[in-house]
Amino acid sequence: MDERLPLIKRDNSSLQQKKISHKSEYTKAKLSLFVMINYFAIEFAGLTQPQYIYSYLENARESNNTSVDMHNNISSNHLNNCFNKSSSSADESREQASSWTWYISLAEYGVAFPVLFYIGPLTDRIGRKPLLLYNTVMVFIAFVLKTIVVYGRFPLQYYVAASAIEGLAGTPFAFNLINHAIIADTTTLGNDRPLMMMVYDALLGLGAICSNIGTGYLIQLLGFTYLYLASSGLLLILPILILFTLEETWKPPKEKSKTSVFKLPIKNLTLCFKRQHVSNKLGYFIANLFILLLVLFPYTSISSILTLFLLGEPFCWTSEHIGWYNAGVDFVKYIGGTTMLKIMHSCCVWLKDEIIIVFAMLSSIAYLILMGFSNNDWMVYGAGSAAIFRVLSIPLLKATLSRKVNPTKQGVMFSNVYLFEVLSVLSGTTVFNNIYRQTLNIYRGFIFFVMAGFPVCGLILMGFVSCFDSTTIQKELVIEKVDIQVPSSENDVKAVQITQI
């Protein structure tokens, strides 16, 4: 026996695990910064868009009536004088604004839909970082073009064309898709993953809060152009930060896939037809995917309709008022919702994610119904307060789906999720904007009752899924934060399936 050798060998694997853990924490911190910058910039312009379109159309209508050149007179003053207009003229402008919002959504998300078919499988093939850079650079180019259109007061058709270029980037949905794949790479399978996904959404909310507060005042102070210019500047910084600071979290397989690039979109369908990629019943996975679609359908389409709803009678809110309200609602649902989720995970260990999702859908139903009945400011504030749990259903459903899928298929899984989200935007904006236009003269809040029907259907389907999932009860024993899911191997899933008959 060699006396020079230590009796207890150093555990190199443990040290390697700690290095991986620290590296993943740094990655999540960087991701948090990127998310806030991106969403602040996107939301900054997104909140401005319906108000700009409304003002543009009001200027066009007035210029036709007074023979004044509208290209020299577009301003935000029309957002302040709701009571000085006839009800018919205001309704006409809101109807036209709703139509143009629909055209922009069709151009943007119609182009993005086929792009997302490729981005998901490509993240599993070439890595996360290259596609993240592609997305941020293309979005920056699109926003530069939008800034030029707004500054030059060009017809709205040019704005639609710039939105189509943003669709080539995959829209912010592609950005979120890639980031969720990175989160899956750097988190464990237990409560760590849904909590991080909720934190991700909370950071989106924090970016939205900051932009909501500033947007209204800046519109009145500076007009529309400078807001688009500020968004473009932030979106220029983002790809530079990603290029020099973000490390790749995914190691592509050494054996290159023989799948043709043209056949990559087919990989998105493999999760719904191949059981080996899903760790539980395939029907359970598909049902949860459909529940997510029902939740997303009104959630992704409400923003522009709500803005037009609050600009009109009987509210006649200014852009500052709308900004503060949106900031308050975002604070309640993102910050308050994240806090409540952490409390429930810490204090109520027995509380399943499915039960929290039910609470979230009930919160969404209450919010939409109260908004539909609103005829004064206080009822609108009450509806916003009811939305505290509303946002929780989306990250929890995403985390549930992610845990059921093989680690090497996370990109494909989130591609399916965001394809559903784009589908919900395309169909939601088409359906809801048309319903809003047709019912505006009958009952202004009717659209919100229609929207409430979708989470009601999701709630019913969730009840069936929970009751009739299977004849066996499966419990997962997950070792939290001992190891991070290493994407280069399929054998690093830290879960033990204990089946009770």
Protein backbone atom coordinates (compact mmCIF):
# COMPACT_ATOMS: atom_id res chain seq x y z
CA MET A 1 0.00 0.00 0.00
CA ASP A 2 1.40 3.39 -1.01
CA GLU A 3 1.47 5.67 2.04
CA ARG A 4 1.64 8.74 -0.18
CA LEU A 5 -1.90 8.15 -1.44
CA PRO A 6 -4.73 9.73 0.59
CA LEU A 7 -7.05 7.35 2.41
CA ILE A 8 -10.12 9.29 1.31
CA LYS A 9 -10.25 10.13 -2.34
CA ARG A 10 -11.39 13.57 -3.34
CA ASP A 11 -14.86 13.58 -4.81
CA ASN A 12 -14.28 15.36 -8.10
CA SER A 13 -17.84 14.73 -9.26
CA SER A 14 -19.17 16.73 -6.29
CA LEU A 15 -16.90 19.67 -7.12
CA GLN A 16 -17.96 19.48 -10.75
CA GLN A 17 -21.61 19.57 -9.71
CA LYS A 18 -20.97 22.69 -7.60
CA LYS A 19 -19.26 24.39 -10.55
CA ILE A 20 -22.22 23.54 -12.78
CA SER A 21 -24.61 24.86 -10.11
CA HIS A 22 -22.73 28.18 -9.76
CA LYS A 23 -22.52 28.51 -13.53
CA SER A 24 -26.26 27.97 -13.86
CA GLU A 25 -26.95 30.65 -11.23
CA TYR A 26 -24.85 33.16 -13.19
CA THR A 27 -26.69 32.19 -16.37
CA LYS A 28 -30.07 32.74 -14.70
CA ALA A 29 -28.92 36.15 -13.41
CA LYS A 30 -27.85 37.21 -16.90
CA LEU A 31 -31.08 35.87 -18.32
CA SER A 32 -33.02 38.00 -15.83
CA LEU A 33 -31.27 41.14 -17.10
CA PHE A 34 -31.89 40.24 -20.75
CA VAL A 35 -35.57 39.57 -20.08
CA MET A 36 -36.13 42.91 -18.36
CA ILE A 37 -34.38 44.88 -21.12
CA ASN A 38 -36.21 43.04 -23.89
CA TYR A 39 -39.66 43.22 -22.38
CA PHE A 40 -39.27 46.85 -21.31
CA ALA A 41 -38.40 47.79 -24.90
CA ILE A 42 -41.12 45.63 -26.48
CA GLU A 43 -43.81 46.74 -24.04
CA PHE A 44 -42.74 50.37 -24.34
CA ALA A 45 -43.62 50.33 -28.03
CA GLY A 46 -46.45 47.82 -27.64
CA LEU A 47 -48.39 50.08 -25.27
CA THR A 48 -47.80 53.02 -27.59
CA GLN A 49 -49.02 51.18 -30.71
CA PRO A 50 -52.85 51.20 -30.19
CA GLN A 51 -52.73 54.80 -28.95
CA TYR A 52 -50.62 55.86 -31.96
CA ILE A 53 -53.01 54.12 -34.37
CA TYR A 54 -56.02 55.74 -32.67
CA SER A 55 -54.42 59.21 -32.87
CA TYR A 56 -53.34 58.64 -36.48
CA LEU A 57 -56.91 57.73 -37.50
CA GLU A 58 -58.38 60.67 -35.56
CA ASN A 59 -55.97 63.02 -37.32
CA ALA A 60 -56.87 61.46 -40.66
CA ARG A 61 -60.60 61.92 -39.98
CA GLU A 62 -60.16 65.56 -38.90
CA SER A 63 -57.88 66.35 -41.83
CA ASN A 64 -60.51 65.02 -44.22
CA ASN A 65 -63.12 67.24 -42.58
CA THR A 66 -61.00 70.42 -42.40
CA SER A 67 -58.66 69.93 -45.42
CA VAL A 68 -55.58 70.11 -43.18
CA ASP A 69 -52.45 68.12 -44.01
CA MET A 70 -52.44 65.39 -41.33
CA HIS A 71 -48.73 64.61 -41.88
CA ASN A 72 -47.88 67.85 -40.13
CA ASN A 73 -50.37 67.49 -37.29
CA ILE A 74 -50.29 63.98 -35.80
CA SER A 75 -50.29 64.40 -32.04
CA SER A 76 -51.46 62.69 -28.88
CA ASN A 77 -54.06 65.38 -28.07
CA HIS A 78 -56.86 63.10 -29.24
CA LEU A 79 -56.25 60.88 -26.23
CA ASN A 80 -57.38 63.68 -23.90
CA ASN A 81 -60.59 65.06 -25.41
CA CYS A 82 -62.94 62.07 -25.38
CA PHE A 83 -65.86 64.10 -23.99
CA ASN A 84 -65.53 66.70 -26.76
CA LYS A 85 -66.31 64.17 -29.50
CA SER A 86 -69.59 62.76 -30.66
CA SER A 87 -70.14 59.18 -29.62
CA SER A 88 -70.48 58.01 -33.24
CA SER A 89 -67.17 59.55 -34.37
CA ALA A 90 -65.30 58.14 -31.37
CA ASP A 91 -66.79 54.69 -31.96
CA GLU A 92 -65.84 54.89 -35.64
CA SER A 93 -62.21 55.65 -34.78
CA ARG A 94 -62.07 52.81 -32.25
CA GLU A 95 -63.56 50.39 -34.80
CA GLN A 96 -60.93 51.40 -37.37
CA ALA A 97 -58.15 51.18 -34.76
CA SER A 98 -59.35 47.69 -33.85
CA SER A 99 -59.20 46.69 -37.52
CA TRP A 100 -55.67 48.02 -37.98
CA THR A 101 -54.55 46.26 -34.79
CA TRP A 102 -55.86 43.06 -36.32
CA TYR A 103 -53.98 43.67 -39.60
CA ILE A 104 -50.74 44.26 -37.69
CA SER A 105 -51.21 41.10 -35.65
CA LEU A 106 -51.90 39.04 -38.77
CA ALA A 107 -48.78 40.37 -40.48
CA GLU A 108 -46.55 39.87 -37.45
CA TYR A 109 -47.74 36.54 -36.11
CA GLY A 110 -48.76 35.10 -39.47
CA VAL A 111 -45.11 35.32 -40.55
CA ALA A 112 -43.88 34.20 -37.12
CA PHE A 113 -45.93 30.99 -37.14
CA PRO A 114 -43.80 29.08 -39.70
CA VAL A 115 -40.61 30.61 -38.27
CA LEU A 116 -41.36 29.13 -34.83
CA PHE A 117 -41.71 25.70 -36.44
CA TYR A 118 -37.98 25.88 -37.16
CA ILE A 119 -36.64 27.73 -34.11
CA GLY A 120 -37.68 25.10 -31.55
CA PRO A 121 -35.97 22.09 -33.20
CA LEU A 122 -32.96 24.24 -34.14
CA THR A 123 -32.34 25.14 -30.48
CA ASP A 124 -31.86 21.41 -29.81
CA ARG A 125 -29.68 21.05 -32.89
CA ILE A 126 -27.29 24.05 -32.95
CA GLY A 127 -27.74 25.53 -29.47
CA ARG A 128 -29.59 28.37 -27.75
CA LYS A 129 -27.24 31.34 -28.17
CA PRO A 130 -27.06 31.61 -32.00
CA LEU A 131 -30.84 31.70 -32.31
CA LEU A 132 -31.14 34.18 -29.44
CA LEU A 133 -28.79 36.49 -31.31
CA TYR A 134 -30.75 36.05 -34.55
CA ASN A 135 -34.00 36.94 -32.80
CA THR A 136 -32.72 40.06 -31.04
CA VAL A 137 -30.95 41.44 -34.14
CA MET A 138 -34.03 40.97 -36.36
CA VAL A 139 -36.35 42.54 -33.77
CA PHE A 140 -33.97 45.52 -33.54
CA ILE A 141 -34.13 45.99 -37.34
CA ALA A 142 -37.95 45.82 -37.25
CA PHE A 143 -38.15 48.47 -34.52
CA VAL A 144 -35.81 50.78 -36.40
CA LEU A 145 -38.19 50.56 -39.38
CA LYS A 146 -41.21 51.22 -37.12
CA THR A 147 -39.44 54.29 -35.72
CA ILE A 148 -38.87 55.60 -39.25
CA VAL A 149 -42.55 55.01 -40.13
CA VAL A 150 -43.78 56.87 -37.03
CA TYR A 151 -41.28 59.71 -37.47
CA GLY A 152 -42.07 60.12 -41.17
CA ARG A 153 -45.82 59.81 -40.53
CA PHE A 154 -46.06 57.27 -43.32
CA PRO A 155 -49.34 55.41 -43.98
CA LEU A 156 -50.16 52.55 -41.62
CA GLN A 157 -49.49 50.02 -44.40
CA TYR A 158 -45.76 50.63 -43.88
CA TYR A 159 -46.15 49.92 -40.17
CA VAL A 160 -47.79 46.61 -41.07
CA ALA A 161 -44.78 45.78 -43.30
CA ALA A 162 -42.35 46.54 -40.45
CA SER A 163 -44.39 44.23 -38.19
CA ALA A 164 -44.02 41.45 -40.77
CA ILE A 165 -40.23 41.81 -40.51
CA GLU A 166 -40.55 41.40 -36.74
CA GLY A 167 -42.43 38.21 -37.54
CA LEU A 168 -39.35 36.91 -39.37
CA ALA A 169 -37.53 37.10 -36.04
CA GLY A 170 -40.15 34.86 -34.47
CA THR A 171 -41.47 37.84 -32.44
CA PRO A 172 -40.84 38.00 -28.66
CA PHE A 173 -42.33 34.50 -28.51
CA ALA A 174 -39.13 33.10 -30.04
CA PHE A 175 -37.11 35.04 -27.44
CA ASN A 176 -39.21 33.50 -24.65
CA LEU A 177 -39.05 30.04 -26.24
CA ILE A 178 -35.25 30.03 -26.25
CA ASN A 179 -35.05 31.44 -22.71
CA HIS A 180 -37.40 28.78 -21.38
CA ALA A 181 -35.18 26.12 -22.96
CA ILE A 182 -32.21 27.71 -21.12
CA ILE A 183 -34.21 27.62 -17.86
CA ALA A 184 -34.90 23.92 -18.44
CA ASP A 185 -31.14 23.40 -18.96
CA THR A 186 -30.25 25.08 -15.67
CA THR A 187 -32.96 23.92 -13.24
CA THR A 188 -34.00 20.69 -11.56
CA LEU A 189 -37.28 18.88 -12.10
CA GLY A 190 -38.97 19.82 -8.81
CA ASN A 191 -40.41 23.12 -7.59
CA ASP A 192 -37.22 24.86 -8.73
CA ARG A 193 -38.39 24.87 -12.35
CA PRO A 194 -41.95 26.24 -12.01
CA LEU A 195 -40.70 28.84 -9.53
CA MET A 196 -37.98 30.00 -11.94
CA MET A 197 -40.52 30.16 -14.76
CA MET A 198 -42.79 32.24 -12.52
CA VAL A 199 -39.82 34.49 -11.66
CA TYR A 200 -39.21 34.83 -15.39
CA ASP A 201 -42.80 36.00 -15.87
CA ALA A 202 -42.44 38.30 -12.85
CA LEU A 203 -39.42 39.92 -14.52
CA LEU A 204 -41.54 40.37 -17.62
CA GLY A 205 -44.05 42.05 -15.34
CA LEU A 206 -41.41 44.27 -13.78
CA GLY A 207 -40.34 45.43 -17.23
CA ALA A 208 -44.02 46.01 -18.07
CA ILE A 209 -44.58 48.03 -14.87
CA CYS A 210 -41.68 50.36 -15.63
CA SER A 211 -42.80 50.85 -19.22
CA ASN A 212 -46.46 51.31 -18.24
CA ILE A 213 -45.64 54.12 -15.81
CA GLY A 214 -43.38 55.95 -18.21
CA THR A 215 -45.31 55.47 -21.45
CA GLY A 216 -48.33 57.64 -20.70
CA TYR A 217 -46.30 60.65 -19.56
CA LEU A 218 -43.77 60.37 -22.37
CA ILE A 219 -46.52 60.21 -25.00
CA GLN A 220 -47.97 63.48 -23.72
CA LEU A 221 -44.56 65.09 -23.25
CA LEU A 222 -42.61 63.94 -26.31
CA GLY A 223 -45.10 62.38 -28.70
CA PHE A 224 -44.80 58.91 -30.22
CA THR A 225 -41.49 58.97 -32.09
CA TYR A 226 -39.16 59.15 -29.10
CA LEU A 227 -40.75 56.12 -27.47
CA TYR A 228 -40.03 54.00 -30.55
CA LEU A 229 -36.52 55.47 -30.66
CA ALA A 230 -35.91 54.54 -27.02
CA SER A 231 -37.13 50.98 -27.68
CA SER A 232 -34.79 50.67 -30.65
CA GLY A 233 -31.85 51.84 -28.54
CA LEU A 234 -32.52 49.23 -25.85
CA LEU A 235 -32.91 46.51 -28.47
CA LEU A 236 -29.50 47.48 -29.89
CA ILE A 237 -27.85 46.92 -26.49
CA LEU A 238 -29.44 43.49 -26.02
CA PRO A 239 -27.67 41.44 -28.75
CA ILE A 240 -24.34 43.03 -27.77
CA LEU A 241 -24.80 41.85 -24.16
CA ILE A 242 -25.84 38.37 -25.28
CA LEU A 243 -22.86 38.06 -27.64
CA PHE A 244 -20.23 38.95 -25.04
CA THR A 245 -21.69 37.70 -21.74
CA LEU A 246 -23.94 34.67 -22.31
CA GLU A 247 -22.39 31.20 -22.39
CA GLU A 248 -24.04 28.39 -24.31
CA THR A 249 -26.03 26.09 -21.98
CA TRP A 250 -26.73 23.36 -24.51
CA LYS A 251 -24.17 20.96 -25.90
CA PRO A 252 -25.44 19.58 -29.23
CA PRO A 253 -25.06 15.79 -29.65
CA LYS A 254 -21.73 14.67 -31.08
CA GLU A 255 -23.55 12.62 -33.67
CA LYS A 256 -25.08 15.15 -36.03
CA SER A 257 -28.71 14.63 -36.89
CA LYS A 258 -29.37 13.34 -40.39
CA THR A 259 -32.72 15.10 -40.48
CA SER A 260 -33.02 17.52 -43.38
CA VAL A 261 -33.50 21.19 -42.51
CA PHE A 262 -36.74 21.13 -44.50
CA LYS A 263 -38.04 18.29 -42.33
CA LEU A 264 -37.26 20.01 -39.01
CA PRO A 265 -40.83 21.35 -38.54
CA ILE A 266 -42.06 17.74 -38.44
CA LYS A 267 -40.10 17.30 -35.16
CA ASN A 268 -42.65 19.55 -33.46
CA LEU A 269 -45.24 16.81 -33.94
CA THR A 270 -43.13 14.02 -32.43
CA LEU A 271 -44.15 14.88 -28.85
CA CYS A 272 -47.81 14.31 -29.65
CA PHE A 273 -47.28 10.97 -31.40
CA LYS A 274 -44.17 9.33 -29.88
CA ARG A 275 -44.53 8.07 -26.33
CA GLN A 276 -40.79 7.67 -25.77
CA HIS A 277 -40.36 11.47 -25.58
CA VAL A 278 -42.99 11.85 -22.83
CA SER A 279 -42.56 10.39 -19.34
CA ASN A 280 -46.29 10.12 -18.56
CA LYS A 281 -49.43 9.28 -20.50
CA LEU A 282 -49.44 10.96 -23.90
CA GLY A 283 -53.10 11.92 -23.52
CA TYR A 284 -52.29 13.77 -20.27
CA PHE A 285 -49.60 15.78 -22.09
CA ILE A 286 -51.91 16.69 -24.99
CA ALA A 287 -54.74 17.63 -22.60
CA ASN A 288 -52.47 20.00 -20.68
CA LEU A 289 -51.31 21.53 -23.98
CA PHE A 290 -54.95 22.14 -24.93
CA ILE A 291 -55.71 23.68 -21.50
CA LEU A 292 -52.79 26.04 -22.04
CA LEU A 293 -54.29 27.08 -25.39
CA LEU A 294 -57.65 27.85 -23.73
CA VAL A 295 -55.90 29.98 -21.10
CA LEU A 296 -53.74 31.81 -23.66
CA PHE A 297 -56.57 32.53 -26.10
CA PRO A 298 -58.00 35.58 -24.25
CA TYR A 299 -54.79 36.39 -22.35
CA THR A 300 -52.74 37.25 -25.44
CA SER A 301 -55.48 39.24 -27.19
CA ILE A 302 -56.87 41.50 -24.48
CA SER A 303 -54.26 44.28 -24.34
CA SER A 304 -55.18 46.40 -27.37
CA ILE A 305 -58.94 45.86 -26.88
CA LEU A 306 -58.70 46.92 -23.23
CA THR A 307 -56.78 50.08 -24.22
CA LEU A 308 -59.45 51.06 -26.77
CA PHE A 309 -62.16 50.17 -24.23
CA LEU A 310 -60.69 52.53 -21.62
CA LEU A 311 -60.04 55.34 -24.11
CA GLY A 312 -63.74 55.52 -24.91
CA GLU A 313 -66.84 56.47 -22.94
CA PRO A 314 -67.76 56.24 -20.10
CA PHE A 315 -64.13 56.15 -18.93
CA CYS A 316 -62.30 58.51 -21.32
CA TRP A 317 -58.97 57.69 -19.69
CA THR A 318 -55.80 59.52 -20.72
CA SER A 319 -52.63 57.69 -21.70
CA GLU A 320 -51.15 58.48 -18.24
CA HIS A 321 -54.18 56.97 -16.52
CA ILE A 322 -54.02 53.83 -18.66
CA GLY A 323 -50.28 53.55 -17.97
CA TRP A 324 -50.72 53.73 -14.19
CA TYR A 325 -53.60 51.25 -14.29
CA ASN A 326 -51.66 48.73 -16.39
CA ALA A 327 -48.67 49.13 -14.06
CA GLY A 328 -50.87 48.44 -11.03
CA VAL A 329 -52.46 45.37 -12.59
CA ASP A 330 -49.05 44.03 -13.67
CA PHE A 331 -47.72 44.58 -10.14
CA VAL A 332 -50.67 42.68 -8.65
CA LYS A 333 -50.53 39.71 -11.01
CA TYR A 334 -46.74 39.36 -11.51
CA ILE A 335 -45.19 40.46 -8.23
CA GLY A 336 -48.16 39.52 -6.04
CA GLY A 337 -48.69 36.28 -7.94
CA THR A 338 -45.03 35.26 -7.67
CA THR A 339 -45.06 35.97 -3.92
CA MET A 340 -48.23 33.92 -3.45
CA LEU A 341 -46.74 31.01 -5.44
CA LYS A 342 -43.59 31.01 -3.29
CA ILE A 343 -45.71 31.06 -0.12
CA MET A 344 -47.89 28.20 -1.35
CA HIS A 345 -44.85 26.10 -2.35
CA SER A 346 -43.17 26.77 1.01
CA CYS A 347 -46.10 26.52 3.43
CA CYS A 348 -48.44 24.14 1.62
CA VAL A 349 -46.19 21.35 0.38
CA TRP A 350 -49.25 19.13 -0.18
CA LEU A 351 -50.77 21.70 -2.56
CA LYS A 352 -50.43 20.39 -6.12
CA ASP A 353 -49.73 22.64 -9.10
CA GLU A 354 -53.05 21.55 -10.61
CA ILE A 355 -54.95 23.12 -7.69
CA ILE A 356 -53.01 26.38 -8.07
CA ILE A 357 -53.84 26.37 -11.79
CA VAL A 358 -57.54 26.06 -10.88
CA PHE A 359 -57.24 29.12 -8.59
CA ALA A 360 -55.51 30.99 -11.43
CA MET A 361 -58.28 30.22 -13.91
CA LEU A 362 -60.95 31.29 -11.40
CA SER A 363 -59.02 34.55 -10.96
CA SER A 364 -58.99 35.05 -14.74
CA ILE A 365 -62.75 34.40 -14.98
CA ALA A 366 -63.48 36.88 -12.17
CA TYR A 367 -61.26 39.54 -13.80
CA LEU A 368 -62.95 39.26 -17.21
CA ILE A 369 -66.52 39.17 -15.87
CA LEU A 370 -65.94 42.19 -13.61
CA MET A 371 -64.35 44.06 -16.53
CA GLY A 372 -67.39 43.27 -18.68
CA PHE A 373 -69.74 44.78 -16.10
CA SER A 374 -67.54 47.84 -15.47
CA ASN A 375 -69.15 51.22 -16.06
CA ASN A 376 -67.00 53.37 -13.76
CA ASP A 377 -63.37 53.62 -12.67
CA TRP A 378 -63.78 51.77 -9.37
CA MET A 379 -65.21 48.69 -11.06
CA VAL A 380 -62.20 48.64 -13.41
CA TYR A 381 -59.88 48.84 -10.37
CA GLY A 382 -61.77 45.98 -8.70
CA ALA A 383 -61.39 43.84 -11.81
CA GLY A 384 -57.63 44.48 -11.78
CA SER A 385 -57.43 43.38 -8.13
CA ALA A 386 -59.18 40.12 -8.97
CA ALA A 387 -56.34 39.27 -11.40
CA ILE A 388 -53.80 38.46 -8.64
CA PHE A 389 -53.66 34.71 -9.46
CA ARG A 390 -54.44 35.11 -13.16
CA VAL A 391 -50.91 34.82 -14.54
CA LEU A 392 -49.93 31.73 -12.48
CA SER A 393 -51.64 29.22 -14.75
CA ILE A 394 -49.33 29.90 -17.72
CA PRO A 395 -45.87 29.25 -16.11
CA LEU A 396 -47.24 26.33 -14.08
CA LEU A 397 -48.69 24.65 -17.18
CA LYS A 398 -45.40 25.23 -19.03
CA ALA A 399 -43.43 23.73 -16.12
CA THR A 400 -45.80 20.74 -15.97
CA LEU A 401 -45.30 20.09 -19.68
CA SER A 402 -41.52 20.56 -19.40
CA ARG A 403 -41.23 18.01 -16.58
CA LYS A 404 -43.02 15.41 -18.69
CA VAL A 405 -40.66 15.73 -21.65
CA ASN A 406 -37.21 14.25 -22.27
CA PRO A 407 -34.36 16.75 -21.53
CA THR A 408 -33.14 16.48 -25.14
CA LYS A 409 -36.54 17.62 -26.43
CA GLN A 410 -37.01 20.82 -24.40
CA GLY A 411 -36.56 23.08 -27.44
CA VAL A 412 -39.18 21.13 -29.38
CA MET A 413 -41.53 21.17 -26.39
CA PHE A 414 -41.34 24.95 -25.93
CA SER A 415 -41.67 25.34 -29.68
CA ASN A 416 -45.04 23.58 -29.40
CA VAL A 417 -46.01 25.85 -26.51
CA TYR A 418 -45.19 29.05 -28.37
CA LEU A 419 -46.74 27.80 -31.60
CA PHE A 420 -49.92 27.46 -29.58
CA GLU A 421 -49.36 30.97 -28.24
CA VAL A 422 -48.94 32.41 -31.75
CA LEU A 423 -52.01 30.48 -32.85
CA SER A 424 -53.94 31.99 -29.95
CA VAL A 425 -52.81 35.51 -30.93
CA LEU A 426 -53.73 35.03 -34.60
CA SER A 427 -57.13 33.48 -33.94
CA GLY A 428 -57.78 35.53 -30.80
CA THR A 429 -57.17 38.90 -32.41
CA THR A 430 -59.28 37.86 -35.41
CA VAL A 431 -62.21 36.61 -33.33
CA PHE A 432 -62.14 39.13 -30.49
CA ASN A 433 -61.49 42.25 -32.60
CA ASN A 434 -64.38 41.36 -34.90
CA ILE A 435 -66.68 40.65 -31.95
CA TYR A 436 -65.61 43.94 -30.32
CA ARG A 437 -66.42 45.90 -33.49
CA GLN A 438 -69.80 44.23 -33.95
CA THR A 439 -70.92 44.61 -30.32
CA LEU A 440 -69.48 48.08 -29.61
CA ASN A 441 -72.83 49.80 -30.23
CA ILE A 442 -74.80 47.11 -28.38
CA TYR A 443 -72.81 46.61 -25.15
CA ARG A 444 -69.19 47.74 -24.90
CA GLY A 445 -68.16 45.12 -22.32
CA PHE A 446 -69.69 42.12 -24.10
CA ILE A 447 -66.30 41.06 -25.47
CA PHE A 448 -65.01 40.33 -21.97
CA PHE A 449 -67.84 37.88 -21.30
CA VAL A 450 -66.88 36.02 -24.48
CA MET A 451 -63.25 35.93 -23.32
CA ALA A 452 -64.30 34.55 -19.91
CA GLY A 453 -65.77 31.48 -21.60
CA PHE A 454 -62.32 30.14 -22.53
CA PRO A 455 -60.89 29.78 -18.99
CA VAL A 456 -64.27 28.31 -17.97
CA CYS A 457 -63.75 25.57 -20.59
CA GLY A 458 -60.14 25.16 -19.40
CA LEU A 459 -61.37 24.78 -15.82
CA ILE A 460 -63.80 22.03 -16.81
CA LEU A 461 -61.12 20.19 -18.81
CA MET A 462 -58.66 20.49 -15.90
CA GLY A 463 -61.25 18.82 -13.66
CA PHE A 464 -61.57 15.88 -16.05
CA VAL A 465 -57.78 15.56 -16.42
CA SER A 466 -57.28 15.57 -12.64
CA CYS A 467 -60.05 13.03 -11.94
CA PHE A 468 -59.50 10.63 -14.81
CA ASP A 469 -55.74 10.91 -15.35
CA SER A 470 -55.03 7.21 -14.82
CA THR A 471 -55.86 4.26 -12.59
CA THR A 472 -52.47 4.58 -10.91
CA ILE A 473 -51.21 7.39 -8.72
CA GLN A 474 -47.69 8.48 -9.49
CA LYS A 475 -45.56 10.44 -7.11
CA GLU A 476 -42.24 12.00 -7.92
CA LEU A 477 -39.37 12.08 -5.46
CA VAL A 478 -37.18 14.92 -6.69
CA ILE A 479 -33.81 15.81 -5.18
CA GLU A 480 -33.84 19.58 -5.18
CA LYS A 481 -30.71 21.50 -6.17
CA VAL A 482 -28.32 18.59 -5.78
CA ASP A 483 -27.57 18.63 -9.45
CA ILE A 484 -28.60 20.67 -12.43
CA GLN A 485 -30.12 19.00 -15.40
CA VAL A 486 -27.13 18.55 -17.71
CA PRO A 487 -28.43 18.86 -21.28
CA SER A 488 -25.75 16.74 -22.90
CA SER A 489 -27.07 13.57 -21.30
CA GLU A 490 -30.46 11.98 -21.01
CA ASN A 491 -29.57 10.15 -17.80
CA ASP A 492 -29.40 13.16 -15.50
CA VAL A 493 -33.07 13.33 -14.61
CA LYS A 494 -33.22 13.20 -10.79
CA ALA A 495 -36.62 11.60 -10.27
CA VAL A 496 -37.72 8.30 -8.89
CA GLN A 497 -41.11 7.07 -10.03
CA ILE A 498 -42.94 5.23 -7.22
CA THR A 499 -46.10 3.60 -8.49
CA GLN A 500 -48.94 2.68 -6.16
CA ILE A 501 -51.77 0.53 -7.41
